[in-house]
Amino acid sequence: GDGWAMVVMARIGTAAVHILTSAITGWALVQAWQKRKYARLLGAYAFGVILHGIWNGLAIVSVFGSLSTLSEQPPEWLSMLKPAVYAPYLIGFLALVSFAGLIGMNHRLAKATVKRFAGQEHFTPSNPGDSAVL
């Protein structure tokens, strides 16, 4: 239908949020295991839960808000959902922030990997900015 572009954008945003929260939690698990930084793990887990909860809450508000446009006389409780007007914009903002967070995290981890292995003979990246999967 006409709204396929919005569906695609929502799916991309959903993927970005899930990948970012999983990546941060995975990074924090490694930090806890290798460096005994358990507070970082708890903080990353809390961040993931909160970000995911905000995403889900905005999605629910957005869906219920759009239900009011399907009926000529929507129930009164639906008309009280004024934030539903802003929910799609906030969802888009969260998607962009999540995507930017993924790019930033990838850059930071790649830089740390290059720095860590730069003096070793077996690790010679063609471009120090490239991501290295070890």
Protein backbone atom coordinates (compact mmCIF):
# COMPACT_ATOMS: atom_id res chain seq x y z
CA GLY A 1 0.00 0.00 0.00
CA ASP A 2 0.89 3.63 0.36
CA GLY A 3 2.56 3.21 3.74
CA TRP A 4 5.23 0.70 2.72
CA ALA A 5 8.04 3.23 3.15
CA MET A 6 7.00 3.87 6.74
CA VAL A 7 6.89 0.13 7.42
CA VAL A 8 10.38 -0.30 5.99
CA MET A 9 11.71 2.58 8.08
CA ALA A 10 10.07 1.17 11.21
CA ARG A 11 11.62 -2.25 10.56
CA ILE A 12 15.07 -0.69 10.04
CA GLY A 13 14.66 1.28 13.26
CA THR A 14 13.56 -1.83 15.14
CA ALA A 15 16.60 -3.70 13.88
CA ALA A 16 18.91 -0.84 14.88
CA VAL A 17 17.51 -0.71 18.42
CA HIS A 18 17.80 -4.48 18.88
CA ILE A 19 21.31 -4.65 17.45
CA LEU A 20 22.50 -1.70 19.53
CA THR A 21 21.10 -2.98 22.82
CA SER A 22 22.48 -6.48 22.14
CA ALA A 23 25.88 -5.09 21.16
CA ILE A 24 26.18 -2.91 24.25
CA THR A 25 25.13 -5.76 26.51
CA GLY A 26 27.57 -8.13 24.80
CA TRP A 27 30.40 -5.61 25.15
CA ALA A 28 29.55 -5.19 28.84
CA LEU A 29 29.55 -8.98 29.31
CA VAL A 30 33.09 -9.11 27.93
CA GLN A 31 34.12 -6.23 30.18
CA ALA A 32 32.67 -8.02 33.20
CA TRP A 33 34.35 -11.27 32.29
CA GLN A 34 37.80 -9.93 31.37
CA LYS A 35 38.15 -6.84 33.57
CA ARG A 36 35.67 -7.62 36.37
CA LYS A 37 33.63 -4.49 35.59
CA TYR A 38 30.28 -5.74 36.84
CA ALA A 39 28.80 -2.27 37.37
CA ARG A 40 29.29 -1.62 33.66
CA LEU A 41 27.34 -4.80 32.91
CA LEU A 42 24.46 -3.71 35.13
CA GLY A 43 24.44 -0.25 33.57
CA ALA A 44 24.47 -1.66 30.03
CA TYR A 45 21.66 -4.07 30.87
CA ALA A 46 19.60 -1.26 32.40
CA PHE A 47 20.26 0.92 29.34
CA GLY A 48 19.13 -1.87 27.02
CA VAL A 49 15.95 -2.51 28.98
CA ILE A 50 15.09 1.19 29.21
CA LEU A 51 15.77 1.90 25.52
CA HIS A 52 13.77 -1.14 24.46
CA GLY A 53 10.94 -0.17 26.82
CA ILE A 54 10.82 3.37 25.45
CA TRP A 55 10.73 2.00 21.89
CA ASN A 56 7.90 -0.42 22.73
CA GLY A 57 5.97 2.23 24.65
CA LEU A 58 6.17 4.70 21.78
CA ALA A 59 5.10 2.00 19.33
CA ILE A 60 2.06 1.15 21.45
CA VAL A 61 1.08 4.80 21.84
CA SER A 62 1.52 5.30 18.09
CA VAL A 63 -0.68 2.31 17.22
CA PHE A 64 -3.46 3.28 19.63
CA GLY A 65 -3.27 6.86 18.41
CA SER A 66 -3.71 5.74 14.82
CA LEU A 67 -6.78 3.71 15.80
CA SER A 68 -8.62 6.94 16.53
CA THR A 69 -8.38 7.90 12.85
CA LEU A 70 -10.09 4.69 11.71
CA SER A 71 -13.42 5.47 13.31
CA GLU A 72 -15.75 8.42 12.90
CA GLN A 73 -16.46 8.42 16.61
CA PRO A 74 -13.47 6.91 18.42
CA PRO A 75 -13.79 5.99 22.09
CA GLU A 76 -13.09 8.88 24.43
CA TRP A 77 -10.01 7.23 25.93
CA LEU A 78 -8.36 7.20 22.49
CA SER A 79 -8.77 10.96 22.14
CA MET A 80 -6.77 11.39 25.35
CA LEU A 81 -3.66 10.00 23.61
CA LYS A 82 -2.32 13.34 22.44
CA PRO A 83 1.32 12.10 22.56
CA ALA A 84 0.41 9.72 19.74
CA VAL A 85 0.91 12.63 17.34
CA TYR A 86 4.58 12.87 18.37
CA ALA A 87 5.27 9.15 18.85
CA PRO A 88 6.26 8.38 15.22
CA TYR A 89 8.72 11.28 15.24
CA LEU A 90 10.22 10.10 18.53
CA ILE A 91 10.46 6.57 17.14
CA GLY A 92 12.30 7.93 14.10
CA PHE A 93 14.62 9.90 16.36
CA LEU A 94 15.38 6.79 18.44
CA ALA A 95 16.07 4.84 15.25
CA LEU A 96 18.55 7.47 14.06
CA VAL A 97 20.23 7.64 17.47
CA SER A 98 20.49 3.84 17.56
CA PHE A 99 21.99 3.72 14.08
CA ALA A 100 24.48 6.46 14.99
CA GLY A 101 25.30 4.56 18.20
CA LEU A 102 26.07 1.45 16.19
CA ILE A 103 28.39 3.36 13.88
CA GLY A 104 30.10 5.07 16.82
CA MET A 105 30.50 1.83 18.74
CA ASN A 106 31.92 0.07 15.68
CA HIS A 107 34.41 2.89 15.15
CA ARG A 108 35.47 2.89 18.79
CA LEU A 109 35.93 -0.87 18.98
CA ALA A 110 37.79 -1.01 15.67
CA LYS A 111 40.15 1.74 16.82
CA ALA A 112 40.78 -0.09 20.11
CA THR A 113 41.46 -3.34 18.24
CA VAL A 114 43.97 -1.69 15.91
CA LYS A 115 45.68 -0.04 18.88
CA ARG A 116 45.82 -3.32 20.80
CA PHE A 117 47.27 -5.40 17.99
CA ALA A 118 49.28 -2.75 16.10
CA GLY A 119 52.66 -3.95 17.40
CA GLN A 120 52.11 -7.59 16.53
CA GLU A 121 53.33 -9.06 13.27
CA HIS A 122 50.24 -11.10 12.40
CA PHE A 123 47.93 -8.09 12.45
CA THR A 124 48.47 -5.63 9.62
CA PRO A 125 45.25 -3.92 8.54
CA SER A 126 45.23 -2.28 5.15
CA ASN A 127 43.50 0.76 6.64
CA PRO A 128 43.70 1.50 10.40
CA GLY A 129 40.11 2.72 10.26
CA ASP A 130 38.81 -0.62 8.96
CA SER A 131 36.83 -2.81 11.30
CA ALA A 132 38.67 -5.91 12.34
CA VAL A 133 36.86 -9.05 13.33
CA LEU A 134 38.96 -11.20 15.60
